[in-house]
Amino acid sequence: MIEYKISYQESSRVKAFNPIQVATLILKTLYGIAKSAIHSEDETIDCVLLAPVFFNHDSRKRVRKAAQDAGWNVLHVINEPC
């Protein structure tokens, strides 16, 4: 995995995130939108994720982990069509 940080400044402190943490934040936002769209507070939402064709097994595992950390129940990670 590429070891670089994405950072932003909040008030007087700087927060740094790795790419998996950024993906988790984005997926958490999408999870909240999905839950509000189906008007559900109790259920976990199932999902199937598409990963770019060039992602290897480790990259797909990281995508799955980011989605699970965001609250999604990942059923499968598939390669996007070419």
C-alpha atoms as a PDB file:
ATOM      1  CA  MET A   1       0.000   0.000   0.000  1.00  0.00           C
ATOM      2  CA  ILE A   2       1.194   3.486  -0.779  1.00  0.00           C
ATOM      3  CA  GLU A   3       2.198   5.206   2.430  1.00  0.00           C
ATOM      4  CA  TYR A   4       1.147   8.806   2.010  1.00  0.00           C
ATOM      5  CA  LYS A   5      -1.053  11.020   4.084  1.00  0.00           C
ATOM      6  CA  ILE A   6      -3.972  13.228   3.177  1.00  0.00           C
ATOM      7  CA  SER A   7      -4.372  16.014   5.685  1.00  0.00           C
ATOM      8  CA  TYR A   8      -6.606  18.965   6.384  1.00  0.00           C
ATOM      9  CA  GLN A   9      -6.518  21.664   8.973  1.00  0.00           C
ATOM     10  CA  GLU A  10      -9.323  21.863  11.520  1.00  0.00           C
ATOM     11  CA  SER A  11      -9.078  24.829  13.836  1.00  0.00           C
ATOM     12  CA  SER A  12      -5.480  24.883  15.037  1.00  0.00           C
ATOM     13  CA  ARG A  13      -4.620  21.214  14.584  1.00  0.00           C
ATOM     14  CA  VAL A  14      -3.863  19.141  11.504  1.00  0.00           C
ATOM     15  CA  LYS A  15      -5.380  15.688  11.019  1.00  0.00           C
ATOM     16  CA  ALA A  16      -3.715  13.133   8.758  1.00  0.00           C
ATOM     17  CA  PHE A  17      -5.477  10.192   7.100  1.00  0.00           C
ATOM     18  CA  ASN A  18      -4.199   7.256   5.113  1.00  0.00           C
ATOM     19  CA  PRO A  19      -6.123   6.206   1.962  1.00  0.00           C
ATOM     20  CA  ILE A  20      -8.095   3.474   3.772  1.00  0.00           C
ATOM     21  CA  GLN A  21      -9.298   5.969   6.388  1.00  0.00           C
ATOM     22  CA  VAL A  22     -10.406   8.360   3.630  1.00  0.00           C
ATOM     23  CA  ALA A  23     -12.298   5.523   1.901  1.00  0.00           C
ATOM     24  CA  THR A  24     -13.937   4.641   5.227  1.00  0.00           C
ATOM     25  CA  LEU A  25     -15.074   8.237   5.742  1.00  0.00           C
ATOM     26  CA  ILE A  26     -16.581   8.356   2.252  1.00  0.00           C
ATOM     27  CA  LEU A  27     -18.301   4.991   2.723  1.00  0.00           C
ATOM     28  CA  LYS A  28     -19.685   6.101   6.118  1.00  0.00           C
ATOM     29  CA  THR A  29     -21.261   9.110   4.421  1.00  0.00           C
ATOM     30  CA  LEU A  30     -22.780   6.889   1.725  1.00  0.00           C
ATOM     31  CA  TYR A  31     -24.013   4.476   4.410  1.00  0.00           C
ATOM     32  CA  GLY A  32     -25.834   7.312   6.188  1.00  0.00           C
ATOM     33  CA  ILE A  33     -27.438   8.421   2.919  1.00  0.00           C
ATOM     34  CA  ALA A  34     -28.553   4.855   2.150  1.00  0.00           C
ATOM     35  CA  LYS A  35     -30.012   4.341   5.631  1.00  0.00           C
ATOM     36  CA  SER A  36     -31.975   7.584   5.435  1.00  0.00           C
ATOM     37  CA  ALA A  37     -33.224   6.720   1.945  1.00  0.00           C
ATOM     38  CA  ILE A  38     -34.672   3.403   3.125  1.00  0.00           C
ATOM     39  CA  HIS A  39     -35.772   4.890   6.465  1.00  0.00           C
ATOM     40  CA  SER A  40     -33.979   2.268   8.531  1.00  0.00           C
ATOM     41  CA  GLU A  41     -32.139   2.744  11.796  1.00  0.00           C
ATOM     42  CA  ASP A  42     -31.823  -0.881  12.884  1.00  0.00           C
ATOM     43  CA  GLU A  43     -30.732  -2.894   9.876  1.00  0.00           C
ATOM     44  CA  THR A  44     -27.273  -3.350   8.447  1.00  0.00           C
ATOM     45  CA  ILE A  45     -27.200  -2.676   4.724  1.00  0.00           C
ATOM     46  CA  ASP A  46     -25.826  -5.375   2.435  1.00  0.00           C
ATOM     47  CA  CYS A  47     -23.671  -4.333  -0.502  1.00  0.00           C
ATOM     48  CA  VAL A  48     -21.649  -5.631  -3.416  1.00  0.00           C
ATOM     49  CA  LEU A  49     -18.586  -3.537  -4.208  1.00  0.00           C
ATOM     50  CA  LEU A  50     -16.964  -2.987  -7.588  1.00  0.00           C
ATOM     51  CA  ALA A  51     -13.180  -2.684  -7.585  1.00  0.00           C
ATOM     52  CA  PRO A  52     -11.055  -1.520 -10.508  1.00  0.00           C
ATOM     53  CA  VAL A  53      -9.744  -4.365 -12.650  1.00  0.00           C
ATOM     54  CA  PHE A  54      -6.134  -3.572 -11.751  1.00  0.00           C
ATOM     55  CA  PHE A  55      -6.755  -4.040  -7.991  1.00  0.00           C
ATOM     56  CA  ASN A  56      -4.973  -7.096  -6.654  1.00  0.00           C
ATOM     57  CA  HIS A  57      -6.210  -9.337  -3.838  1.00  0.00           C
ATOM     58  CA  ASP A  58      -4.729  -7.108  -1.104  1.00  0.00           C
ATOM     59  CA  SER A  59      -6.347  -3.996  -2.596  1.00  0.00           C
ATOM     60  CA  ARG A  60      -9.740  -5.697  -2.701  1.00  0.00           C
ATOM     61  CA  LYS A  61      -9.275  -6.792   0.937  1.00  0.00           C
ATOM     62  CA  ARG A  62      -8.573  -3.172   1.897  1.00  0.00           C
ATOM     63  CA  VAL A  63     -11.706  -1.988   0.074  1.00  0.00           C
ATOM     64  CA  ARG A  64     -13.733  -4.651   1.888  1.00  0.00           C
ATOM     65  CA  LYS A  65     -12.245  -3.636   5.264  1.00  0.00           C
ATOM     66  CA  ALA A  66     -12.975   0.052   4.645  1.00  0.00           C
ATOM     67  CA  ALA A  67     -16.610  -0.775   3.834  1.00  0.00           C
ATOM     68  CA  GLN A  68     -16.962  -3.025   6.878  1.00  0.00           C
ATOM     69  CA  ASP A  69     -15.434  -0.332   9.101  1.00  0.00           C
ATOM     70  CA  ALA A  70     -18.046   2.059   7.714  1.00  0.00           C
ATOM     71  CA  GLY A  71     -20.864  -0.311   8.735  1.00  0.00           C
ATOM     72  CA  TRP A  72     -21.651  -2.055   5.455  1.00  0.00           C
ATOM     73  CA  ASN A  73     -22.238  -5.821   5.255  1.00  0.00           C
ATOM     74  CA  VAL A  74     -20.073  -6.663   2.236  1.00  0.00           C
ATOM     75  CA  LEU A  75     -21.421  -9.655   0.366  1.00  0.00           C
ATOM     76  CA  HIS A  76     -18.850  -9.657  -2.432  1.00  0.00           C
ATOM     77  CA  VAL A  77     -16.141  -7.554  -4.086  1.00  0.00           C
ATOM     78  CA  ILE A  78     -16.079  -7.943  -7.863  1.00  0.00           C
ATOM     79  CA  ASN A  79     -13.935  -6.487 -10.630  1.00  0.00           C
ATOM     80  CA  GLU A  80     -15.549  -3.761 -12.682  1.00  0.00           C
ATOM     81  CA  PRO A  81     -16.161  -4.692 -16.312  1.00  0.00           C
ATOM     82  CA  CYS A  82     -13.404  -3.818 -18.781  1.00  0.00           C
END
